[in-house]
Each structure stands twice: as C-alpha cells, then as structure tokens.
C-alpha cells in the first residue's frame, strides 16, 4: 500500500479531508483524526482499544503499538509490508469511530 492509496480511500469517506502538516499527511473527519502519516511507510490510525487488540492479534505483521501510543486509541500500520485490506478496514473503522457511524 502507498500513501496515494490512502489519499484515494480518504476521498471516498464522507467528511474526511486531507492536509499536510510539517511535510506529513493526515486525514481528518471534521477536524478529528482518522489517520496520520508517521514516515514514508507507516501511518498511525485511530482505533478503539478493543478493535486495536483484535488487529494486533489478527495481523501482527501489519500493526503495532509503540510505547508512545500505548495509552492512546491509536495503532501503527506498516504500509510497505502490511495487509492492504486490513489497513483499509482499519481506516474505515477509524472514520466510523470519529463520525459516529
């Protein structure tokens, strides 16, 4: 998966806007974080703690939770080596979480 794929996905989610801050992309639903680029191959995605645990157990090669995100409803996705469908599902779930859908 590439960042351009996330740009296309974000454009399909009602109310999500993309912006660039300090050279990195982020996607927000009416100002609320959906996903944010960390570097060229990783994004952090908003996720409930239960869903985050499910993703970690189901796709350990795709998702991780570095210590700095352990207390937050966030999960890091590896775009280069991760499961594309799982990442897409996580972004859609983040949009649903933030939009109340």
PDB file of N, CA and C in Angstrom:
ATOM      1  N   UNK A   1       0.852  -1.179   0.000  1.00  0.00           N
ATOM      2  CA  UNK A   1       0.000   0.000   0.000  1.00  0.00           C
ATOM      3  C   UNK A   1       0.889   1.230   0.000  1.00  0.00           C
ATOM      4  N   UNK A   2       0.433   2.251  -0.691  1.00  0.00           N
ATOM      5  CA  UNK A   2       1.156   3.525  -0.772  1.00  0.00           C
ATOM      6  C   UNK A   2       0.310   4.632  -0.150  1.00  0.00           C
ATOM      7  N   UNK A   3       0.927   5.752   0.134  1.00  0.00           N
ATOM      8  CA  UNK A   3       0.194   6.892   0.670  1.00  0.00           C
ATOM      9  C   UNK A   3      -0.885   7.363  -0.298  1.00  0.00           C
ATOM     10  N   UNK A   4      -0.612   7.242  -1.603  1.00  0.00           N
ATOM     11  CA  UNK A   4      -1.618   7.624  -2.600  1.00  0.00           C
ATOM     12  C   UNK A   4      -2.889   6.793  -2.459  1.00  0.00           C
ATOM     13  N   UNK A   5      -2.740   5.530  -2.056  1.00  0.00           N
ATOM     14  CA  UNK A   5      -3.903   4.679  -1.830  1.00  0.00           C
ATOM     15  C   UNK A   5      -4.742   5.212  -0.669  1.00  0.00           C
ATOM     16  N   UNK A   6      -4.079   5.707   0.372  1.00  0.00           N
ATOM     17  CA  UNK A   6      -4.801   6.299   1.498  1.00  0.00           C
ATOM     18  C   UNK A   6      -5.483   7.594   1.098  1.00  0.00           C
ATOM     19  N   UNK A   7      -4.840   8.346   0.227  1.00  0.00           N
ATOM     20  CA  UNK A   7      -5.457   9.568  -0.286  1.00  0.00           C
ATOM     21  C   UNK A   7      -6.750   9.236  -1.025  1.00  0.00           C
ATOM     22  N   UNK A   8      -6.706   8.202  -1.868  1.00  0.00           N
ATOM     23  CA  UNK A   8      -7.918   7.787  -2.597  1.00  0.00           C
ATOM     24  C   UNK A   8      -9.002   7.285  -1.646  1.00  0.00           C
ATOM     25  N   UNK A   9      -8.604   6.496  -0.654  1.00  0.00           N
ATOM     26  CA  UNK A   9      -9.575   5.986   0.310  1.00  0.00           C
ATOM     27  C   UNK A   9     -10.192   7.126   1.101  1.00  0.00           C
ATOM     28  N   UNK A  10      -9.377   8.034   1.572  1.00  0.00           N
ATOM     29  CA  UNK A  10      -9.885   9.181   2.333  1.00  0.00           C
ATOM     30  C   UNK A  10     -10.881  10.002   1.543  1.00  0.00           C
ATOM     31  N   UNK A  11     -10.637  10.155   0.244  1.00  0.00           N
ATOM     32  CA  UNK A  11     -11.542  10.926  -0.618  1.00  0.00           C
ATOM     33  C   UNK A  11     -12.907  10.255  -0.741  1.00  0.00           C
ATOM     34  N   UNK A  12     -12.969   8.956  -0.497  1.00  0.00           N
ATOM     35  CA  UNK A  12     -14.241   8.218  -0.593  1.00  0.00           C
ATOM     36  C   UNK A  12     -15.050   8.264   0.699  1.00  0.00           C
ATOM     37  N   UNK A  13     -14.447   8.722   1.770  1.00  0.00           N
ATOM     38  CA  UNK A  13     -15.119   8.744   3.066  1.00  0.00           C
ATOM     39  C   UNK A  13     -15.716  10.124   3.312  1.00  0.00           C
ATOM     40  N   UNK A  14     -17.013  10.173   3.408  1.00  0.00           N
ATOM     41  CA  UNK A  14     -17.727  11.453   3.556  1.00  0.00           C
ATOM     42  C   UNK A  14     -17.223  12.226   4.771  1.00  0.00           C
ATOM     43  N   UNK A  15     -16.884  13.491   4.548  1.00  0.00           N
ATOM     44  CA  UNK A  15     -16.457  14.371   5.629  1.00  0.00           C
ATOM     45  C   UNK A  15     -14.976  14.332   5.938  1.00  0.00           C
ATOM     46  N   UNK A  16     -14.217  13.455   5.281  1.00  0.00           N
ATOM     47  CA  UNK A  16     -12.779  13.347   5.547  1.00  0.00           C
ATOM     48  C   UNK A  16     -12.021  14.307   4.643  1.00  0.00           C
ATOM     49  N   UNK A  17     -11.132  15.059   5.242  1.00  0.00           N
ATOM     50  CA  UNK A  17     -10.274  15.955   4.472  1.00  0.00           C
ATOM     51  C   UNK A  17      -8.822  15.577   4.713  1.00  0.00           C
ATOM     52  N   UNK A  18      -8.021  15.830   3.710  1.00  0.00           N
ATOM     53  CA  UNK A  18      -6.588  15.540   3.788  1.00  0.00           C
ATOM     54  C   UNK A  18      -5.848  16.854   3.882  1.00  0.00           C
ATOM     55  N   UNK A  19      -4.814  16.859   4.685  1.00  0.00           N
ATOM     56  CA  UNK A  19      -3.955  18.040   4.751  1.00  0.00           C
ATOM     57  C   UNK A  19      -2.534  17.604   5.012  1.00  0.00           C
ATOM     58  N   UNK A  20      -1.644  18.525   4.828  1.00  0.00           N
ATOM     59  CA  UNK A  20      -0.224  18.253   5.038  1.00  0.00           C
ATOM     60  C   UNK A  20       0.267  19.205   6.132  1.00  0.00           C
ATOM     61  N   UNK A  21       0.902  18.619   7.145  1.00  0.00           N
ATOM     62  CA  UNK A  21       1.483  19.401   8.233  1.00  0.00           C
ATOM     63  C   UNK A  21       2.934  18.966   8.390  1.00  0.00           C
ATOM     64  N   UNK A  22       3.823  19.926   8.373  1.00  0.00           N
ATOM     65  CA  UNK A  22       5.260  19.632   8.502  1.00  0.00           C
ATOM     66  C   UNK A  22       5.708  18.561   7.514  1.00  0.00           C
ATOM     67  N   UNK A  23       5.135  18.583   6.318  1.00  0.00           N
ATOM     68  CA  UNK A  23       5.519  17.665   5.263  1.00  0.00           C
ATOM     69  C   UNK A  23       4.870  16.292   5.337  1.00  0.00           C
ATOM     70  N   UNK A  24       4.033  16.048   6.350  1.00  0.00           N
ATOM     71  CA  UNK A  24       3.384  14.750   6.520  1.00  0.00           C
ATOM     72  C   UNK A  24       1.872  14.888   6.337  1.00  0.00           C
ATOM     73  N   UNK A  25       1.264  13.870   5.758  1.00  0.00           N
ATOM     74  CA  UNK A  25      -0.176  13.886   5.500  1.00  0.00           C
ATOM     75  C   UNK A  25      -0.967  13.454   6.722  1.00  0.00           C
ATOM     76  N   UNK A  26      -2.162  14.007   6.851  1.00  0.00           N
ATOM     77  CA  UNK A  26      -3.118  13.443   7.791  1.00  0.00           C
ATOM     78  C   UNK A  26      -4.513  13.548   7.205  1.00  0.00           C
ATOM     79  N   UNK A  27      -5.373  12.682   7.704  1.00  0.00           N
ATOM     80  CA  UNK A  27      -6.755  12.601   7.247  1.00  0.00           C
ATOM     81  C   UNK A  27      -7.633  12.792   8.460  1.00  0.00           C
ATOM     82  N   UNK A  28      -8.584  13.729   8.347  1.00  0.00           N
ATOM     83  CA  UNK A  28      -9.431  14.073   9.494  1.00  0.00           C
ATOM     84  C   UNK A  28     -10.895  14.133   9.089  1.00  0.00           C
ATOM     85  N   UNK A  29     -11.733  13.748  10.029  1.00  0.00           N
ATOM     86  CA  UNK A  29     -13.169  13.885   9.857  1.00  0.00           C
ATOM     87  C   UNK A  29     -13.589  15.090  10.685  1.00  0.00           C
ATOM     88  N   UNK A  30     -13.926  16.187  10.011  1.00  0.00           N
ATOM     89  CA  UNK A  30     -14.319  17.433  10.677  1.00  0.00           C
ATOM     90  C   UNK A  30     -13.358  17.783  11.817  1.00  0.00           C
ATOM     91  N   UNK A  31     -12.072  17.693  11.533  1.00  0.00           N
ATOM     92  CA  UNK A  31     -11.038  18.057  12.491  1.00  0.00           C
ATOM     93  C   UNK A  31     -10.590  16.932  13.407  1.00  0.00           C
ATOM     94  N   UNK A  32     -11.313  15.832  13.426  1.00  0.00           N
ATOM     95  CA  UNK A  32     -10.974  14.698  14.297  1.00  0.00           C
ATOM     96  C   UNK A  32     -10.101  13.700  13.529  1.00  0.00           C
ATOM     97  N   UNK A  33      -8.986  13.313  14.124  1.00  0.00           N
ATOM     98  CA  UNK A  33      -8.008  12.465  13.458  1.00  0.00           C
ATOM     99  C   UNK A  33      -8.583  11.110  13.073  1.00  0.00           C
ATOM    100  N   UNK A  34      -8.367  10.729  11.820  1.00  0.00           N
ATOM    101  CA  UNK A  34      -8.658   9.393  11.325  1.00  0.00           C
ATOM    102  C   UNK A  34      -7.333   8.644  11.175  1.00  0.00           C
ATOM    103  N   UNK A  35      -6.381   9.242  10.463  1.00  0.00           N
ATOM    104  CA  UNK A  35      -5.059   8.637  10.272  1.00  0.00           C
ATOM    105  C   UNK A  35      -4.042   9.745  10.014  1.00  0.00           C
ATOM    106  N   UNK A  36      -2.777   9.432  10.354  1.00  0.00           N
ATOM    107  CA  UNK A  36      -1.704  10.419  10.166  1.00  0.00           C
ATOM    108  C   UNK A  36      -0.437   9.696   9.748  1.00  0.00           C
ATOM    109  N   UNK A  37       0.227  10.247   8.758  1.00  0.00           N
ATOM    110  CA  UNK A  37       1.497   9.705   8.278  1.00  0.00           C
ATOM    111  C   UNK A  37       2.576   9.924   9.328  1.00  0.00           C
ATOM    112  N   UNK A  38       3.335   8.862   9.611  1.00  0.00           N
ATOM    113  CA  UNK A  38       4.483   8.978  10.506  1.00  0.00           C
ATOM    114  C   UNK A  38       5.778   9.110   9.728  1.00  0.00           C
ATOM    115  N   UNK A  39       5.867   8.357   8.632  1.00  0.00           N
ATOM    116  CA  UNK A  39       7.022   8.411   7.732  1.00  0.00           C
ATOM    117  C   UNK A  39       6.565   7.854   6.387  1.00  0.00           C
ATOM    118  N   UNK A  40       7.482   7.531   5.512  1.00  0.00           N
ATOM    119  CA  UNK A  40       7.107   7.088   4.166  1.00  0.00           C
ATOM    120  C   UNK A  40       6.370   5.753   4.135  1.00  0.00           C
ATOM    121  N   UNK A  41       6.508   4.946   5.176  1.00  0.00           N
ATOM    122  CA  UNK A  41       5.913   3.609   5.147  1.00  0.00           C
ATOM    123  C   UNK A  41       5.027   3.277   6.348  1.00  0.00           C
ATOM    124  N   UNK A  42       4.761   4.248   7.201  1.00  0.00           N
ATOM    125  CA  UNK A  42       3.940   3.991   8.391  1.00  0.00           C
ATOM    126  C   UNK A  42       2.928   5.114   8.609  1.00  0.00           C
ATOM    127  N   UNK A  43       1.733   4.705   9.028  1.00  0.00           N
ATOM    128  CA  UNK A  43       0.700   5.652   9.440  1.00  0.00           C
ATOM    129  C   UNK A  43       0.157   5.214  10.787  1.00  0.00           C
ATOM    130  N   UNK A  44      -0.292   6.177  11.557  1.00  0.00           N
ATOM    131  CA  UNK A  44      -0.985   5.870  12.796  1.00  0.00           C
ATOM    132  C   UNK A  44      -2.472   6.070  12.520  1.00  0.00           C
ATOM    133  N   UNK A  45      -3.284   5.131  12.993  1.00  0.00           N
ATOM    134  CA  UNK A  45      -4.718   5.114  12.713  1.00  0.00           C
ATOM    135  C   UNK A  45      -5.468   5.100  14.037  1.00  0.00           C
ATOM    136  N   UNK A  46      -6.513   5.884  14.119  1.00  0.00           N
ATOM    137  CA  UNK A  46      -7.359   5.911  15.307  1.00  0.00           C
ATOM    138  C   UNK A  46      -8.080   4.570  15.414  1.00  0.00           C
ATOM    139  N   UNK A  47      -8.149   3.986  16.617  1.00  0.00           N
ATOM    140  CA  UNK A  47      -8.822   2.705  16.806  1.00  0.00           C
ATOM    141  C   UNK A  47      -9.249   2.567  18.258  1.00  0.00           C
ATOM    142  N   UNK A  48     -10.431   2.036  18.475  1.00  0.00           N
ATOM    143  CA  UNK A  48     -10.850   1.733  19.843  1.00  0.00           C
ATOM    144  C   UNK A  48      -9.881   0.699  20.410  1.00  0.00           C
ATOM    145  N   UNK A  49      -9.794   0.627  21.717  1.00  0.00           N
ATOM    146  CA  UNK A  49      -8.862  -0.319  22.324  1.00  0.00           C
ATOM    147  C   UNK A  49      -9.213  -1.765  21.970  1.00  0.00           C
ATOM    148  N   UNK A  50     -10.497  -2.091  21.950  1.00  0.00           N
ATOM    149  CA  UNK A  50     -10.901  -3.459  21.602  1.00  0.00           C
ATOM    150  C   UNK A  50     -10.533  -3.803  20.163  1.00  0.00           C
ATOM    151  N   UNK A  51     -10.822  -2.878  19.241  1.00  0.00           N
ATOM    152  CA  UNK A  51     -10.505  -3.125  17.840  1.00  0.00           C
ATOM    153  C   UNK A  51      -8.995  -3.182  17.627  1.00  0.00           C
ATOM    154  N   UNK A  52      -8.280  -2.330  18.346  1.00  0.00           N
ATOM    155  CA  UNK A  52      -6.816  -2.332  18.274  1.00  0.00           C
ATOM    156  C   UNK A  52      -6.268  -3.698  18.684  1.00  0.00           C
ATOM    157  N   UNK A  53      -6.775  -4.250  19.773  1.00  0.00           N
ATOM    158  CA  UNK A  53      -6.330  -5.571  20.222  1.00  0.00           C
ATOM    159  C   UNK A  53      -6.624  -6.641  19.173  1.00  0.00           C
ATOM    160  N   UNK A  54      -7.798  -6.563  18.571  1.00  0.00           N
ATOM    161  CA  UNK A  54      -8.162  -7.515  17.524  1.00  0.00           C
ATOM    162  C   UNK A  54      -7.195  -7.429  16.342  1.00  0.00           C
ATOM    163  N   UNK A  55      -6.886  -6.202  15.911  1.00  0.00           N
ATOM    164  CA  UNK A  55      -5.956  -6.013  14.794  1.00  0.00           C
ATOM    165  C   UNK A  55      -4.563  -6.539  15.130  1.00  0.00           C
ATOM    166  N   UNK A  56      -4.099  -6.263  16.331  1.00  0.00           N
ATOM    167  CA  UNK A  56      -2.765  -6.727  16.740  1.00  0.00           C
ATOM    168  C   UNK A  56      -2.666  -8.246  16.726  1.00  0.00           C
ATOM    169  N   UNK A  57      -3.710  -8.910  17.181  1.00  0.00           N
ATOM    170  CA  UNK A  57      -3.699 -10.372  17.227  1.00  0.00           C
ATOM    171  C   UNK A  57      -3.929 -10.992  15.851  1.00  0.00           C
ATOM    172  N   UNK A  58      -4.739 -10.347  15.030  1.00  0.00           N
ATOM    173  CA  UNK A  58      -5.076 -10.899  13.720  1.00  0.00           C
ATOM    174  C   UNK A  58      -4.031 -10.601  12.652  1.00  0.00           C
ATOM    175  N   UNK A  59      -3.358  -9.451  12.766  1.00  0.00           N
ATOM    176  CA  UNK A  59      -2.404  -9.008  11.739  1.00  0.00           C
ATOM    177  C   UNK A  59      -1.119  -8.475  12.388  1.00  0.00           C
ATOM    178  N   UNK A  60      -0.379  -9.331  13.095  1.00  0.00           N
ATOM    179  CA  UNK A  60       0.822  -8.844  13.802  1.00  0.00           C
ATOM    180  C   UNK A  60       1.922  -8.329  12.878  1.00  0.00           C
ATOM    181  N   UNK A  61       1.916  -8.763  11.622  1.00  0.00           N
ATOM    182  CA  UNK A  61       2.918  -8.272  10.669  1.00  0.00           C
ATOM    183  C   UNK A  61       2.544  -6.908  10.092  1.00  0.00           C
ATOM    184  N   UNK A  62       1.297  -6.515  10.299  1.00  0.00           N
ATOM    185  CA  UNK A  62       0.794  -5.257   9.737  1.00  0.00           C
ATOM    186  C   UNK A  62       0.737  -4.144  10.773  1.00  0.00           C
ATOM    187  N   UNK A  63       0.326  -4.476  11.995  1.00  0.00           N
ATOM    188  CA  UNK A  63       0.050  -3.465  13.018  1.00  0.00           C
ATOM    189  C   UNK A  63       0.940  -3.619  14.243  1.00  0.00           C
ATOM    190  N   UNK A  64       1.205  -2.477  14.865  1.00  0.00           N
ATOM    191  CA  UNK A  64       1.962  -2.451  16.119  1.00  0.00           C
ATOM    192  C   UNK A  64       1.490  -1.261  16.949  1.00  0.00           C
ATOM    193  N   UNK A  65       1.856  -1.285  18.227  1.00  0.00           N
ATOM    194  CA  UNK A  65       1.556  -0.171  19.115  1.00  0.00           C
ATOM    195  C   UNK A  65       2.839   0.187  19.866  1.00  0.00           C
ATOM    196  N   UNK A  66       3.583   1.144  19.318  1.00  0.00           N
ATOM    197  CA  UNK A  66       4.781   1.603  20.021  1.00  0.00           C
ATOM    198  C   UNK A  66       4.403   2.212  21.379  1.00  0.00           C
ATOM    199  N   UNK A  67       5.326   2.205  22.284  1.00  0.00           N
ATOM    200  CA  UNK A  67       5.078   2.697  23.646  1.00  0.00           C
ATOM    201  C   UNK A  67       4.410   4.075  23.668  1.00  0.00           C
ATOM    202  N   UNK A  68       4.809   4.958  22.767  1.00  0.00           N
ATOM    203  CA  UNK A  68       4.255   6.325  22.798  1.00  0.00           C
ATOM    204  C   UNK A  68       2.759   6.363  22.486  1.00  0.00           C
ATOM    205  N   UNK A  69       2.218   5.296  21.885  1.00  0.00           N
ATOM    206  CA  UNK A  69       0.791   5.237  21.582  1.00  0.00           C
ATOM    207  C   UNK A  69       0.029   4.275  22.498  1.00  0.00           C
ATOM    208  N   UNK A  70       0.694   3.646  23.434  1.00  0.00           N
ATOM    209  CA  UNK A  70       0.074   2.602  24.260  1.00  0.00           C
ATOM    210  C   UNK A  70      -1.158   3.102  25.019  1.00  0.00           C
ATOM    211  N   UNK A  71      -1.146   4.315  25.494  1.00  0.00           N
ATOM    212  CA  UNK A  71      -2.272   4.861  26.266  1.00  0.00           C
ATOM    213  C   UNK A  71      -3.327   5.528  25.405  1.00  0.00           C
ATOM    214  N   UNK A  72      -3.093   5.552  24.109  1.00  0.00           N
ATOM    215  CA  UNK A  72      -3.985   6.263  23.200  1.00  0.00           C
ATOM    216  C   UNK A  72      -4.727   5.275  22.301  1.00  0.00           C
ATOM    217  N   UNK A  73      -5.844   5.696  21.815  1.00  0.00           N
ATOM    218  CA  UNK A  73      -6.635   4.877  20.899  1.00  0.00           C
ATOM    219  C   UNK A  73      -6.034   5.004  19.494  1.00  0.00           C
ATOM    220  N   UNK A  74      -4.846   4.409  19.329  1.00  0.00           N
ATOM    221  CA  UNK A  74      -4.092   4.521  18.086  1.00  0.00           C
ATOM    222  C   UNK A  74      -3.370   3.206  17.820  1.00  0.00           C
ATOM    223  N   UNK A  75      -3.182   2.935  16.537  1.00  0.00           N
ATOM    224  CA  UNK A  75      -2.417   1.762  16.116  1.00  0.00           C
ATOM    225  C   UNK A  75      -1.585   2.162  14.896  1.00  0.00           C
ATOM    226  N   UNK A  76      -0.382   1.638  14.789  1.00  0.00           N
ATOM    227  CA  UNK A  76       0.508   1.962  13.677  1.00  0.00           C
ATOM    228  C   UNK A  76       0.422   0.856  12.630  1.00  0.00           C
ATOM    229  N   UNK A  77       0.257   1.250  11.375  1.00  0.00           N
ATOM    230  CA  UNK A  77       0.199   0.307  10.257  1.00  0.00           C
ATOM    231  C   UNK A  77       1.455   0.435   9.408  1.00  0.00           C
ATOM    232  N   UNK A  78       1.987  -0.705   9.014  1.00  0.00           N
ATOM    233  CA  UNK A  78       3.145  -0.788   8.127  1.00  0.00           C
ATOM    234  C   UNK A  78       2.619  -0.881   6.697  1.00  0.00           C
ATOM    235  N   UNK A  79       2.694   0.205   5.967  1.00  0.00           N
ATOM    236  CA  UNK A  79       2.152   0.255   4.605  1.00  0.00           C
ATOM    237  C   UNK A  79       2.941  -0.619   3.647  1.00  0.00           C
ATOM    238  N   UNK A  80       4.216  -0.707   3.843  1.00  0.00           N
ATOM    239  CA  UNK A  80       5.086  -1.432   2.909  1.00  0.00           C
ATOM    240  C   UNK A  80       4.921  -2.951   3.011  1.00  0.00           C
ATOM    241  N   UNK A  81       4.794  -3.457   4.228  1.00  0.00           N
ATOM    242  CA  UNK A  81       4.756  -4.911   4.428  1.00  0.00           C
ATOM    243  C   UNK A  81       3.416  -5.427   4.931  1.00  0.00           C
ATOM    244  N   UNK A  82       2.475  -4.530   5.153  1.00  0.00           N
ATOM    245  CA  UNK A  82       1.220  -4.919   5.770  1.00  0.00           C
ATOM    246  C   UNK A  82       0.158  -5.410   4.814  1.00  0.00           C
ATOM    247  N   UNK A  83      -0.896  -5.955   5.395  1.00  0.00           N
ATOM    248  CA  UNK A  83      -2.059  -6.446   4.665  1.00  0.00           C
ATOM    249  C   UNK A  83      -2.918  -5.248   4.243  1.00  0.00           C
ATOM    250  N   UNK A  84      -3.028  -5.041   2.937  1.00  0.00           N
ATOM    251  CA  UNK A  84      -3.715  -3.866   2.398  1.00  0.00           C
ATOM    252  C   UNK A  84      -5.170  -3.810   2.864  1.00  0.00           C
ATOM    253  N   UNK A  85      -5.861  -4.916   2.800  1.00  0.00           N
ATOM    254  CA  UNK A  85      -7.279  -4.934   3.186  1.00  0.00           C
ATOM    255  C   UNK A  85      -7.452  -4.621   4.670  1.00  0.00           C
ATOM    256  N   UNK A  86      -6.558  -5.134   5.495  1.00  0.00           N
ATOM    257  CA  UNK A  86      -6.641  -4.867   6.933  1.00  0.00           C
ATOM    258  C   UNK A  86      -6.411  -3.386   7.219  1.00  0.00           C
ATOM    259  N   UNK A  87      -5.479  -2.775   6.509  1.00  0.00           N
ATOM    260  CA  UNK A  87      -5.223  -1.344   6.691  1.00  0.00           C
ATOM    261  C   UNK A  87      -6.430  -0.535   6.228  1.00  0.00           C
ATOM    262  N   UNK A  88      -6.981  -0.880   5.079  1.00  0.00           N
ATOM    263  CA  UNK A  88      -8.183  -0.192   4.599  1.00  0.00           C
ATOM    264  C   UNK A  88      -9.317  -0.322   5.606  1.00  0.00           C
ATOM    265  N   UNK A  89      -9.529  -1.526   6.123  1.00  0.00           N
ATOM    266  CA  UNK A  89     -10.587  -1.743   7.114  1.00  0.00           C
ATOM    267  C   UNK A  89     -10.351  -0.912   8.371  1.00  0.00           C
ATOM    268  N   UNK A  90      -9.094  -0.803   8.798  1.00  0.00           N
ATOM    269  CA  UNK A  90      -8.771  -0.014   9.986  1.00  0.00           C
ATOM    270  C   UNK A  90      -9.059   1.468   9.758  1.00  0.00           C
ATOM    271  N   UNK A  91      -8.741   1.971   8.577  1.00  0.00           N
ATOM    272  CA  UNK A  91      -9.014   3.389   8.268  1.00  0.00           C
ATOM    273  C   UNK A  91     -10.520   3.627   8.213  1.00  0.00           C
ATOM    274  N   UNK A  92     -11.255   2.734   7.599  1.00  0.00           N
ATOM    275  CA  UNK A  92     -12.710   2.876   7.537  1.00  0.00           C
ATOM    276  C   UNK A  92     -13.305   2.819   8.947  1.00  0.00           C
ATOM    277  N   UNK A  93     -12.802   1.916   9.778  1.00  0.00           N
ATOM    278  CA  UNK A  93     -13.275   1.830  11.164  1.00  0.00           C
ATOM    279  C   UNK A  93     -12.957   3.112  11.935  1.00  0.00           C
ATOM    280  N   UNK A  94     -11.799   3.714  11.665  1.00  0.00           N
ATOM    281  CA  UNK A  94     -11.440   4.979  12.313  1.00  0.00           C
ATOM    282  C   UNK A  94     -12.405   6.080  11.902  1.00  0.00           C
ATOM    283  N   UNK A  95     -12.757   6.118  10.623  1.00  0.00           N
ATOM    284  CA  UNK A  95     -13.738   7.097  10.138  1.00  0.00           C
ATOM    285  C   UNK A  95     -15.090   6.861  10.810  1.00  0.00           C
ATOM    286  N   UNK A  96     -15.501   5.609  10.910  1.00  0.00           N
ATOM    287  CA  UNK A  96     -16.774   5.298  11.587  1.00  0.00           C
ATOM    288  C   UNK A  96     -16.738   5.714  13.048  1.00  0.00           C
ATOM    289  N   UNK A  97     -15.612   5.470  13.713  1.00  0.00           N
ATOM    290  CA  UNK A  97     -15.448   5.865  15.113  1.00  0.00           C
ATOM    291  C   UNK A  97     -15.570   7.375  15.274  1.00  0.00           C
ATOM    292  N   UNK A  98     -14.893   8.116  14.423  1.00  0.00           N
ATOM    293  CA  UNK A  98     -14.879   9.572  14.535  1.00  0.00           C
ATOM    294  C   UNK A  98     -16.189  10.214  14.071  1.00  0.00           C
ATOM    295  N   UNK A  99     -16.876   9.561  13.135  1.00  0.00           N
ATOM    296  CA  UNK A  99     -18.121  10.154  12.615  1.00  0.00           C
ATOM    297  C   UNK A  99     -19.355   9.671  13.365  1.00  0.00           C
ATOM    298  N   UNK A 100     -19.177   8.685  14.239  1.00  0.00           N
ATOM    299  CA  UNK A 100     -20.309   8.152  14.984  1.00  0.00           C
ATOM    300  C   UNK A 100     -21.198   7.244  14.160  1.00  0.00           C
ATOM    301  N   UNK A 101     -20.698   6.739  13.061  1.00  0.00           N
ATOM    302  CA  UNK A 101     -21.500   5.848  12.185  1.00  0.00           C
ATOM    303  C   UNK A 101     -21.557   4.448  12.733  1.00  0.00           C
TER     304      UNK A 101
END
